[in-house]
Structures are given as structure tokens and as C-alpha cells.
């Protein structure tokens, strides 16, 4: 998805200059398909699920994960009306 694959043992990817960008195109395609096939519940929620605390390290990693969370929230907001929008958890 645009970021390098996690290594074993995990190696930090972020520097003072920032973290590798995330490519949201696959996620957006999946959510668009889901919204077109399931415009109303039964889907209750989505989770970012990127648990990269050790890889997206430090303050820059926290900022990057927050930006990922915001991008997912904005994508959900553009695909479902408020009344049927799945929750965002995580």
C-alpha cells in the first residue's frame, strides 16, 4: 500500500523528516465497492487496523497514523450518508 513491508525484527520507518506516505487507492476501491453493494447496515464499523506503533515510530509516526485515521474518516463520509454511515473504531 505504498509503505515498505514490515521487517522482522521491526525497524522504524520514520525520521525527523517524516514517514513514508500511505497509498489509500486499494482501501478507497474496497470502500467504494462496499458502499455500492451495502449502502445501508449490516456493516456496523470499520477499523484502520494498521497497528504500526513500532514501525511508524515517535511523534512523526503518531502524526502519520492520525493522518491515516482522518483519511479513512473522510473517505467513509464521502460514501455513506450520516444516517447509514458505518462507525470508525480503533
N, C-alpha and C. Protein backbone atom coordinates (compact mmCIF):
# COMPACT_ATOMS: atom_id res chain seq x y z
N UNK A 1 0.81 -1.20 0.00
CA UNK A 1 0.00 0.00 0.00
C UNK A 1 0.85 1.25 0.00
N UNK A 2 2.02 1.19 -0.53
CA UNK A 2 2.84 2.37 -0.64
C UNK A 2 3.94 2.45 0.40
N UNK A 3 3.74 1.83 1.55
CA UNK A 3 4.78 1.83 2.58
C UNK A 3 5.56 0.53 2.48
N UNK A 4 6.84 0.57 2.86
CA UNK A 4 7.62 -0.68 2.86
C UNK A 4 6.99 -1.71 3.78
N UNK A 5 7.21 -2.96 3.47
CA UNK A 5 6.71 -4.05 4.30
C UNK A 5 7.48 -4.08 5.62
N UNK A 6 6.76 -4.43 6.69
CA UNK A 6 7.41 -4.53 8.00
C UNK A 6 8.45 -5.64 7.96
N UNK A 7 9.57 -5.38 8.62
CA UNK A 7 10.64 -6.36 8.71
C UNK A 7 10.59 -7.05 10.06
N UNK A 8 11.19 -8.22 10.14
CA UNK A 8 11.31 -8.93 11.41
C UNK A 8 12.78 -9.02 11.72
N UNK A 9 13.29 -8.47 12.81
CA UNK A 9 12.54 -7.66 13.76
C UNK A 9 12.16 -6.33 13.13
N UNK A 10 11.12 -5.72 13.70
CA UNK A 10 10.62 -4.47 13.14
C UNK A 10 11.67 -3.38 13.22
N UNK A 11 11.76 -2.61 12.13
CA UNK A 11 12.68 -1.49 12.06
C UNK A 11 11.88 -0.22 11.88
N UNK A 12 12.19 0.84 12.64
CA UNK A 12 11.47 2.10 12.49
C UNK A 12 11.59 2.66 11.07
N UNK A 13 10.51 3.20 10.55
CA UNK A 13 10.49 3.76 9.20
C UNK A 13 10.49 5.28 9.19
N UNK A 14 10.17 5.89 10.33
CA UNK A 14 10.03 7.34 10.37
C UNK A 14 11.34 8.00 10.80
N UNK A 15 11.56 9.19 10.26
CA UNK A 15 12.69 10.02 10.64
C UNK A 15 12.15 11.38 11.06
N UNK A 16 13.02 12.28 11.41
CA UNK A 16 12.58 13.64 11.75
C UNK A 16 11.91 14.32 10.56
N UNK A 17 12.21 13.86 9.36
CA UNK A 17 11.62 14.45 8.14
C UNK A 17 10.22 13.91 7.87
N UNK A 18 9.85 12.80 8.49
CA UNK A 18 8.52 12.24 8.27
C UNK A 18 8.54 10.74 8.09
N UNK A 19 7.39 10.21 7.68
CA UNK A 19 7.21 8.77 7.47
C UNK A 19 6.89 8.53 6.01
N UNK A 20 7.08 7.31 5.53
CA UNK A 20 6.70 7.01 4.15
C UNK A 20 5.20 7.24 3.96
N UNK A 21 4.78 7.78 2.83
CA UNK A 21 3.36 8.03 2.60
C UNK A 21 2.60 6.72 2.42
N UNK A 22 1.31 6.77 2.72
CA UNK A 22 0.45 5.60 2.55
C UNK A 22 -0.36 5.79 1.28
N UNK A 23 -0.47 4.75 0.51
CA UNK A 23 -1.29 4.75 -0.70
C UNK A 23 -2.66 4.21 -0.32
N UNK A 24 -3.68 5.04 -0.41
CA UNK A 24 -5.03 4.66 0.00
C UNK A 24 -5.88 4.13 -1.15
N UNK A 25 -5.31 3.96 -2.34
CA UNK A 25 -6.13 3.61 -3.51
C UNK A 25 -6.84 2.27 -3.36
N UNK A 26 -6.18 1.25 -2.84
CA UNK A 26 -6.85 -0.06 -2.67
C UNK A 26 -7.95 0.03 -1.63
N UNK A 27 -7.68 0.75 -0.54
CA UNK A 27 -8.68 0.93 0.51
C UNK A 27 -9.89 1.68 -0.04
N UNK A 28 -9.65 2.74 -0.78
CA UNK A 28 -10.76 3.51 -1.36
C UNK A 28 -11.58 2.65 -2.32
N UNK A 29 -10.92 1.85 -3.13
CA UNK A 29 -11.65 0.98 -4.07
C UNK A 29 -12.52 -0.02 -3.32
N UNK A 30 -12.00 -0.62 -2.26
CA UNK A 30 -12.77 -1.57 -1.46
C UNK A 30 -13.97 -0.88 -0.81
N UNK A 31 -13.77 0.31 -0.26
CA UNK A 31 -14.87 1.01 0.39
C UNK A 31 -15.92 1.47 -0.61
N UNK A 32 -15.50 1.89 -1.79
CA UNK A 32 -16.48 2.27 -2.83
C UNK A 32 -17.32 1.07 -3.24
N UNK A 33 -16.68 -0.07 -3.41
CA UNK A 33 -17.43 -1.28 -3.77
C UNK A 33 -18.41 -1.63 -2.64
N UNK A 34 -17.92 -1.59 -1.42
CA UNK A 34 -18.76 -1.93 -0.26
C UNK A 34 -19.95 -0.98 -0.17
N UNK A 35 -19.72 0.31 -0.32
CA UNK A 35 -20.81 1.29 -0.24
C UNK A 35 -21.84 1.07 -1.34
N UNK A 36 -21.39 0.68 -2.53
CA UNK A 36 -22.34 0.47 -3.63
C UNK A 36 -23.15 -0.82 -3.46
N UNK A 37 -22.58 -1.81 -2.79
CA UNK A 37 -23.27 -3.08 -2.58
C UNK A 37 -24.01 -3.16 -1.24
N UNK A 38 -23.57 -2.38 -0.27
CA UNK A 38 -24.18 -2.38 1.06
C UNK A 38 -24.38 -0.93 1.54
N UNK A 39 -25.28 -0.18 0.88
CA UNK A 39 -25.45 1.23 1.24
C UNK A 39 -26.08 1.44 2.62
N UNK A 40 -26.76 0.43 3.14
CA UNK A 40 -27.37 0.52 4.47
C UNK A 40 -26.76 -0.57 5.34
N UNK A 41 -26.89 -0.46 6.66
CA UNK A 41 -26.34 -1.52 7.51
C UNK A 41 -26.76 -2.89 6.99
N UNK A 42 -25.95 -3.90 7.09
CA UNK A 42 -25.45 -4.51 8.31
C UNK A 42 -24.02 -4.15 8.69
N UNK A 43 -23.26 -3.40 7.89
CA UNK A 43 -21.89 -3.08 8.28
C UNK A 43 -21.95 -2.04 9.39
N UNK A 44 -21.45 -2.40 10.56
CA UNK A 44 -21.55 -1.51 11.72
C UNK A 44 -20.36 -0.57 11.83
N UNK A 45 -19.15 -1.06 11.46
CA UNK A 45 -17.97 -0.23 11.68
C UNK A 45 -16.80 -0.71 10.84
N UNK A 46 -15.83 0.18 10.67
CA UNK A 46 -14.55 -0.13 10.06
C UNK A 46 -13.46 0.26 11.03
N UNK A 47 -12.31 -0.41 10.88
CA UNK A 47 -11.14 -0.12 11.71
C UNK A 47 -9.95 0.04 10.79
N UNK A 48 -9.09 0.99 11.09
CA UNK A 48 -7.90 1.19 10.26
C UNK A 48 -7.01 -0.05 10.31
N UNK A 49 -6.79 -0.57 11.50
CA UNK A 49 -6.06 -1.83 11.65
C UNK A 49 -4.64 -1.82 11.15
N UNK A 50 -3.95 -0.69 11.29
CA UNK A 50 -2.58 -0.65 10.80
C UNK A 50 -1.54 -0.80 11.90
N UNK A 51 -1.90 -1.10 13.11
CA UNK A 51 -1.06 -1.32 14.27
C UNK A 51 0.45 -1.28 13.97
N UNK A 52 0.94 -0.14 13.64
CA UNK A 52 2.34 0.02 13.27
C UNK A 52 3.10 0.86 14.30
N UNK A 53 2.76 0.68 15.55
CA UNK A 53 3.33 1.52 16.60
C UNK A 53 4.86 1.49 16.64
N UNK A 54 5.46 0.36 16.37
CA UNK A 54 6.92 0.28 16.44
C UNK A 54 7.57 0.66 15.12
N UNK A 55 6.83 0.53 14.03
CA UNK A 55 7.37 0.83 12.71
C UNK A 55 7.18 2.31 12.40
N UNK A 56 5.96 2.82 12.64
CA UNK A 56 5.71 4.26 12.49
C UNK A 56 5.98 4.86 13.86
N UNK A 57 7.22 5.13 14.12
CA UNK A 57 7.71 5.43 15.46
C UNK A 57 7.69 6.91 15.79
N UNK A 58 7.68 7.20 17.08
CA UNK A 58 7.84 8.55 17.57
C UNK A 58 6.71 9.49 17.20
N UNK A 59 6.99 10.78 17.37
CA UNK A 59 5.98 11.80 17.08
C UNK A 59 5.57 11.79 15.62
N UNK A 60 6.51 11.61 14.72
CA UNK A 60 6.17 11.60 13.29
C UNK A 60 5.28 10.40 12.96
N UNK A 61 5.53 9.26 13.59
CA UNK A 61 4.69 8.09 13.38
C UNK A 61 3.28 8.31 13.89
N UNK A 62 3.17 8.95 15.06
CA UNK A 62 1.85 9.25 15.62
C UNK A 62 1.09 10.19 14.70
N UNK A 63 1.77 11.19 14.17
CA UNK A 63 1.12 12.12 13.22
C UNK A 63 0.68 11.39 11.95
N UNK A 64 1.53 10.50 11.47
CA UNK A 64 1.20 9.75 10.25
C UNK A 64 -0.02 8.86 10.47
N UNK A 65 -0.08 8.18 11.62
CA UNK A 65 -1.23 7.33 11.91
C UNK A 65 -2.50 8.16 12.09
N UNK A 66 -2.38 9.33 12.69
CA UNK A 66 -3.54 10.22 12.83
C UNK A 66 -4.03 10.68 11.46
N UNK A 67 -3.11 10.99 10.55
CA UNK A 67 -3.50 11.38 9.20
C UNK A 67 -4.18 10.22 8.46
N UNK A 68 -3.70 9.00 8.67
CA UNK A 68 -4.34 7.82 8.07
C UNK A 68 -5.77 7.67 8.59
N UNK A 69 -5.95 7.86 9.88
CA UNK A 69 -7.27 7.75 10.50
C UNK A 69 -8.21 8.82 9.93
N UNK A 70 -7.72 10.04 9.79
CA UNK A 70 -8.52 11.13 9.23
C UNK A 70 -8.89 10.84 7.78
N UNK A 71 -7.94 10.32 7.01
CA UNK A 71 -8.22 10.00 5.61
C UNK A 71 -9.31 8.94 5.49
N UNK A 72 -9.27 7.93 6.37
CA UNK A 72 -10.32 6.91 6.36
C UNK A 72 -11.66 7.52 6.74
N UNK A 73 -11.67 8.40 7.73
CA UNK A 73 -12.91 9.05 8.16
C UNK A 73 -13.49 9.88 7.02
N UNK A 74 -12.67 10.61 6.30
CA UNK A 74 -13.14 11.42 5.19
C UNK A 74 -13.66 10.54 4.05
N UNK A 75 -13.02 9.43 3.81
CA UNK A 75 -13.48 8.51 2.77
C UNK A 75 -14.85 7.95 3.13
N UNK A 76 -15.02 7.51 4.37
CA UNK A 76 -16.32 6.99 4.81
C UNK A 76 -17.40 8.07 4.68
N UNK A 77 -17.05 9.30 5.06
CA UNK A 77 -18.01 10.40 4.99
C UNK A 77 -18.46 10.71 3.58
N UNK A 78 -17.62 10.45 2.61
CA UNK A 78 -17.98 10.70 1.22
C UNK A 78 -18.77 9.58 0.57
N UNK A 79 -18.86 8.44 1.23
CA UNK A 79 -19.50 7.28 0.62
C UNK A 79 -20.85 6.91 1.22
N UNK A 80 -21.06 7.23 2.49
CA UNK A 80 -22.32 6.89 3.17
C UNK A 80 -22.93 8.16 3.75
N UNK A 81 -24.25 8.33 3.66
CA UNK A 81 -24.88 9.45 4.34
C UNK A 81 -24.81 9.24 5.85
N UNK A 82 -24.92 10.34 6.60
CA UNK A 82 -24.79 10.26 8.07
C UNK A 82 -25.63 9.16 8.68
N UNK A 83 -26.86 9.03 8.24
CA UNK A 83 -27.79 8.09 8.87
C UNK A 83 -27.36 6.63 8.70
N UNK A 84 -26.66 6.32 7.63
CA UNK A 84 -26.25 4.93 7.36
C UNK A 84 -24.74 4.72 7.45
N UNK A 85 -24.00 5.74 7.79
CA UNK A 85 -22.53 5.65 7.79
C UNK A 85 -22.05 4.68 8.87
N UNK A 86 -21.21 3.71 8.48
CA UNK A 86 -20.61 2.85 9.49
C UNK A 86 -19.72 3.67 10.42
N UNK A 87 -19.59 3.21 11.63
CA UNK A 87 -18.73 3.88 12.60
C UNK A 87 -17.26 3.62 12.25
N UNK A 88 -16.42 4.45 12.78
CA UNK A 88 -14.98 4.27 12.64
C UNK A 88 -14.45 3.97 14.04
N UNK A 89 -13.87 2.80 14.22
CA UNK A 89 -13.36 2.39 15.53
C UNK A 89 -11.87 2.17 15.46
N UNK A 90 -11.25 2.09 16.60
CA UNK A 90 -9.83 1.79 16.62
C UNK A 90 -9.14 2.65 17.57
